Amino acid sequence: MTVWDRPEPPTRPVPLDRERIVAAAIALADEGGLEAVSLRKVAARLNAGPMRLYGYISTKEELFDLMVDEVHAEILPEEQPGDWREALRVLAHRTRRTALRHEWLADLLGGRPALGPNGLAVTEAKLAPLDGLAGLDTVMRAAETVSAYVTGAIRREIANLRAQRATGLSKRDWQRASGPHVTRMLATGRFPALAKAVYDGTDVDAETSFATGLDWVLDAVAAKLTRPPA
């Protein structure tokens, strides 16, 4: 029986329910990442004994599942766009913004499907606009391809943010500090393509990079959806 199917125990002294438990766990994760979340710490924040929580949640993994589902509610748009490209674009950008508010989400994206009600609703919102545009296998691969890009791009962006906090160096500061080494390595002539990218490429912010890459992925998906069957 999953945590979604298992009923909650009756209320006891110190009012407690899964909603309060999950809210406390999300607050801890927002403050210190997933490593800051444990049933003991959640119980302490709620002024309850740790064993009380086991009536509602069996494992930390179940708690993570509930946390992921709770923040998936922030991904769902109020209205579903009619155009499939716009629908997937909106979901992608809302996923990125949600992950930037809750950085720990990036660590839990991309694994097994989220089975909570909000997670299932997000999956439905991804698949529904594509329904009927191509064969089911093509639609599934299209949705998976967009999701893989979104997850990878979000993880890269958040990894950079974490590195900036850990080192105390902004992106510009890190580039200045690394500049002499990179210049020496490029001067060897062993990396001509990289040298061209470093000296001639245009540096863009994370949001622009995300949006551009997403548009390219959607272009590739569109080509598959409009291709006549073999």
Protein backbone atom coordinates (compact mmCIF):
# COMPACT_ATOMS: atom_id res chain seq x y z
CA MET A 1 0.00 0.00 0.00
CA THR A 2 1.43 3.39 -0.99
CA VAL A 3 1.38 6.44 1.25
CA TRP A 4 -1.37 7.80 -0.99
CA ASP A 5 -3.64 4.82 -0.20
CA ARG A 6 -2.90 4.45 3.51
CA PRO A 7 -5.32 6.36 5.76
CA GLU A 8 -4.04 8.75 8.38
CA PRO A 9 -4.44 7.81 12.06
CA PRO A 10 -7.04 9.63 14.15
CA THR A 11 -6.09 12.99 15.65
CA ARG A 12 -4.38 12.84 19.03
CA PRO A 13 -2.98 15.43 21.45
CA VAL A 14 -0.72 17.89 19.59
CA PRO A 15 -2.76 18.17 16.39
CA LEU A 16 -0.89 16.43 13.61
CA ASP A 17 -1.61 15.44 10.04
CA ARG A 18 0.33 14.79 6.84
CA GLU A 19 -0.28 18.33 5.62
CA ARG A 20 1.47 19.85 8.64
CA ILE A 21 4.24 17.25 8.50
CA VAL A 22 4.92 17.92 4.83
CA ALA A 23 4.84 21.70 5.30
CA ALA A 24 7.43 21.42 8.08
CA ALA A 25 9.62 19.13 5.97
CA ILE A 26 9.49 21.51 2.99
CA ALA A 27 10.46 24.43 5.24
CA LEU A 28 13.46 22.47 6.51
CA ALA A 29 14.49 21.50 2.96
CA ASP A 30 14.12 25.06 1.71
CA GLU A 31 16.43 26.19 4.50
CA GLY A 32 19.08 23.47 4.34
CA GLY A 33 18.45 21.03 1.50
CA LEU A 34 17.33 17.42 1.73
CA GLU A 35 20.12 16.61 4.16
CA ALA A 36 18.35 18.89 6.66
CA VAL A 37 15.22 16.72 6.57
CA SER A 38 14.70 13.81 8.94
CA LEU A 39 11.67 12.54 10.77
CA ARG A 40 13.34 13.57 14.04
CA LYS A 41 13.91 17.16 12.86
CA VAL A 42 10.39 17.41 11.42
CA ALA A 43 8.94 16.15 14.70
CA ALA A 44 11.00 18.70 16.65
CA ARG A 45 9.70 21.53 14.47
CA LEU A 46 6.15 20.36 15.18
CA ASN A 47 6.78 19.88 18.92
CA ALA A 48 5.86 16.22 18.61
CA GLY A 49 7.63 13.01 19.46
CA PRO A 50 9.41 11.36 16.49
CA MET A 51 7.44 8.14 16.93
CA ARG A 52 4.23 10.08 16.38
CA LEU A 53 5.23 10.68 12.78
CA TYR A 54 5.45 6.98 12.00
CA GLY A 55 1.69 6.78 12.24
CA TYR A 56 1.52 9.07 9.21
CA ILE A 57 4.72 8.28 7.30
CA SER A 58 6.68 5.03 7.34
CA THR A 59 10.00 6.16 5.84
CA LYS A 60 11.91 9.27 4.85
CA GLU A 61 11.41 8.23 1.22
CA GLU A 62 7.64 8.47 1.70
CA LEU A 63 8.15 11.92 3.18
CA PHE A 64 10.15 12.96 0.12
CA ASP A 65 7.36 11.64 -2.13
CA LEU A 66 4.83 13.76 -0.26
CA MET A 67 7.10 16.82 -0.44
CA VAL A 68 7.56 16.42 -4.19
CA ASP A 69 3.83 16.10 -4.71
CA GLU A 70 3.12 19.18 -2.62
CA VAL A 71 5.40 21.42 -4.68
CA HIS A 72 4.10 19.92 -7.93
CA ALA A 73 0.95 21.90 -7.20
CA GLU A 74 3.05 25.01 -7.93
CA ILE A 75 3.89 23.66 -11.40
CA LEU A 76 0.30 23.23 -12.56
CA PRO A 77 -0.93 26.23 -14.57
CA GLU A 78 -4.30 27.74 -13.73
CA GLU A 79 -5.42 27.23 -17.32
CA GLN A 80 -4.20 24.72 -19.88
CA PRO A 81 -3.01 26.43 -23.10
CA GLY A 82 -4.64 25.05 -26.22
CA ASP A 83 -1.45 24.84 -28.29
CA TRP A 84 0.77 21.87 -27.40
CA ARG A 85 3.99 23.84 -27.73
CA GLU A 86 2.76 26.59 -25.43
CA ALA A 87 1.41 24.01 -22.96
CA LEU A 88 4.78 22.27 -22.70
CA ARG A 89 6.65 25.58 -22.63
CA VAL A 90 4.52 26.86 -19.75
CA LEU A 91 5.02 23.64 -17.78
CA ALA A 92 8.77 23.75 -18.38
CA HIS A 93 9.14 27.32 -17.17
CA ARG A 94 6.87 26.72 -14.18
CA THR A 95 8.95 23.65 -13.29
CA ARG A 96 12.14 25.73 -13.43
CA ARG A 97 10.68 28.50 -11.27
CA THR A 98 9.39 25.97 -8.75
CA ALA A 99 12.81 24.30 -8.56
CA LEU A 100 14.48 27.67 -8.01
CA ARG A 101 12.13 28.29 -5.07
CA HIS A 102 12.73 24.77 -3.75
CA GLU A 103 16.25 23.84 -4.89
CA TRP A 104 16.02 20.38 -3.32
CA LEU A 105 13.42 19.47 -5.94
CA ALA A 106 16.20 19.22 -8.54
CA ASP A 107 17.65 16.29 -6.58
CA LEU A 108 14.37 14.39 -6.83
CA LEU A 109 13.43 15.10 -10.45
CA GLY A 110 13.98 12.58 -13.21
CA GLY A 111 13.54 9.35 -11.29
CA ARG A 112 10.42 7.23 -11.07
CA PRO A 113 7.16 9.00 -11.93
CA ALA A 114 5.54 11.05 -9.18
CA LEU A 115 2.40 9.14 -8.17
CA GLY A 116 0.71 11.68 -5.92
CA PRO A 117 -2.36 13.57 -7.14
CA ASN A 118 -0.43 16.70 -8.11
CA GLY A 119 2.35 14.71 -9.76
CA LEU A 120 -0.18 12.75 -11.81
CA ALA A 121 -1.92 16.00 -12.74
CA VAL A 122 1.37 17.44 -14.03
CA THR A 123 1.97 14.30 -16.10
CA GLU A 124 -1.55 14.57 -17.48
CA ALA A 125 -0.90 18.21 -18.36
CA LYS A 126 2.19 17.11 -20.33
CA LEU A 127 0.49 14.31 -22.22
CA ALA A 128 -2.96 15.78 -22.88
CA PRO A 129 -1.82 18.47 -25.37
CA LEU A 130 0.06 15.81 -27.37
CA ASP A 131 -2.76 13.30 -27.39
CA GLY A 132 -3.79 12.39 -30.92
CA LEU A 133 -0.99 14.32 -32.64
CA ALA A 134 0.95 11.13 -33.36
CA GLY A 135 1.09 7.49 -32.34
CA LEU A 136 1.17 6.82 -28.62
CA ASP A 137 4.84 5.72 -28.62
CA THR A 138 5.86 8.91 -30.43
CA VAL A 139 3.87 11.02 -27.97
CA MET A 140 5.49 9.27 -25.01
CA ARG A 141 9.00 9.75 -26.41
CA ALA A 142 8.21 13.40 -27.11
CA ALA A 143 7.10 14.01 -23.52
CA GLU A 144 10.13 12.13 -22.18
CA THR A 145 12.51 14.16 -24.36
CA VAL A 146 11.15 17.49 -23.16
CA SER A 147 11.21 16.32 -19.54
CA ALA A 148 14.81 15.12 -19.89
CA TYR A 149 15.90 18.52 -21.20
CA VAL A 150 14.03 20.39 -18.46
CA THR A 151 15.46 18.20 -15.69
CA GLY A 152 19.02 18.43 -17.02
CA ALA A 153 18.91 22.18 -17.51
CA ILE A 154 17.45 22.77 -14.05
CA ARG A 155 20.04 20.55 -12.38
CA ARG A 156 22.87 22.37 -14.16
CA GLU A 157 21.55 25.78 -13.14
CA ILE A 158 21.07 24.79 -9.52
CA ALA A 159 24.49 23.11 -9.41
CA ASN A 160 25.98 26.46 -10.48
CA LEU A 161 24.02 28.30 -7.79
CA ARG A 162 25.22 25.86 -5.15
CA ALA A 163 28.81 26.19 -6.34
CA GLN A 164 28.53 29.97 -6.12
CA ARG A 165 27.33 29.76 -2.51
CA ALA A 166 29.91 27.13 -1.55
CA THR A 167 32.86 29.08 -2.96
CA GLY A 168 31.60 32.60 -2.36
CA LEU A 169 32.49 33.41 -5.98
CA SER A 170 29.98 34.73 -8.50
CA LYS A 171 30.15 33.41 -12.04
CA ARG A 172 32.14 36.48 -13.08
CA ASP A 173 34.50 36.16 -10.11
CA TRP A 174 35.07 32.47 -10.83
CA GLN A 175 35.84 33.27 -14.48
CA ARG A 176 38.40 35.88 -13.41
CA ALA A 177 40.01 33.48 -10.96
CA SER A 178 40.15 30.69 -13.53
CA GLY A 179 41.14 32.97 -16.41
CA PRO A 180 44.95 32.61 -16.25
CA HIS A 181 44.75 28.81 -16.22
CA VAL A 182 42.23 28.70 -19.06
CA THR A 183 44.27 31.17 -21.11
CA ARG A 184 47.41 29.06 -20.72
CA MET A 185 45.59 25.88 -21.72
CA LEU A 186 43.97 27.46 -24.78
CA ALA A 187 47.31 28.93 -25.85
CA THR A 188 48.63 25.39 -26.37
CA GLY A 189 46.45 25.09 -29.47
CA ARG A 190 45.08 21.75 -28.31
CA PHE A 191 41.53 23.05 -27.92
CA PRO A 192 40.68 25.19 -30.97
CA ALA A 193 36.92 24.70 -30.84
CA LEU A 194 36.84 25.52 -27.13
CA ALA A 195 39.03 28.58 -27.69
CA LYS A 196 36.60 29.86 -30.30
CA ALA A 197 33.70 29.36 -27.90
CA VAL A 198 35.51 31.14 -25.06
CA TYR A 199 36.73 34.14 -27.06
CA ASP A 200 33.94 34.59 -29.60
CA GLY A 201 30.83 33.12 -27.95
CA THR A 202 28.06 35.21 -26.42
CA ASP A 203 27.45 34.77 -22.72
CA VAL A 204 23.74 34.63 -21.84
CA ASP A 205 21.90 34.42 -18.53
CA ALA A 206 20.43 31.17 -17.25
CA GLU A 207 16.82 32.01 -18.12
CA THR A 208 17.69 32.90 -21.72
CA SER A 209 19.76 29.75 -22.09
CA PHE A 210 16.90 27.65 -20.72
CA ALA A 211 14.32 29.24 -23.01
CA THR A 212 16.51 28.88 -26.12
CA GLY A 213 17.31 25.24 -25.47
CA LEU A 214 13.66 24.51 -24.76
CA ASP A 215 12.59 26.05 -28.06
CA TRP A 216 15.13 23.91 -29.92
CA VAL A 217 13.85 20.76 -28.21
CA LEU A 218 10.26 21.70 -29.04
CA ASP A 219 11.29 22.27 -32.68
CA ALA A 220 12.72 18.74 -32.77
CA VAL A 221 9.55 17.32 -31.22
CA ALA A 222 7.42 19.21 -33.75
CA ALA A 223 9.37 17.60 -36.59
CA LYS A 224 8.57 14.15 -35.24
CA LEU A 225 4.91 14.95 -34.66
CA THR A 226 4.38 16.29 -38.16
CA ARG A 227 6.37 13.56 -39.94
CA PRO A 228 4.02 11.30 -41.95
CA PRO A 229 3.96 7.66 -40.83
CA ALA A 230 6.40 5.39 -42.66
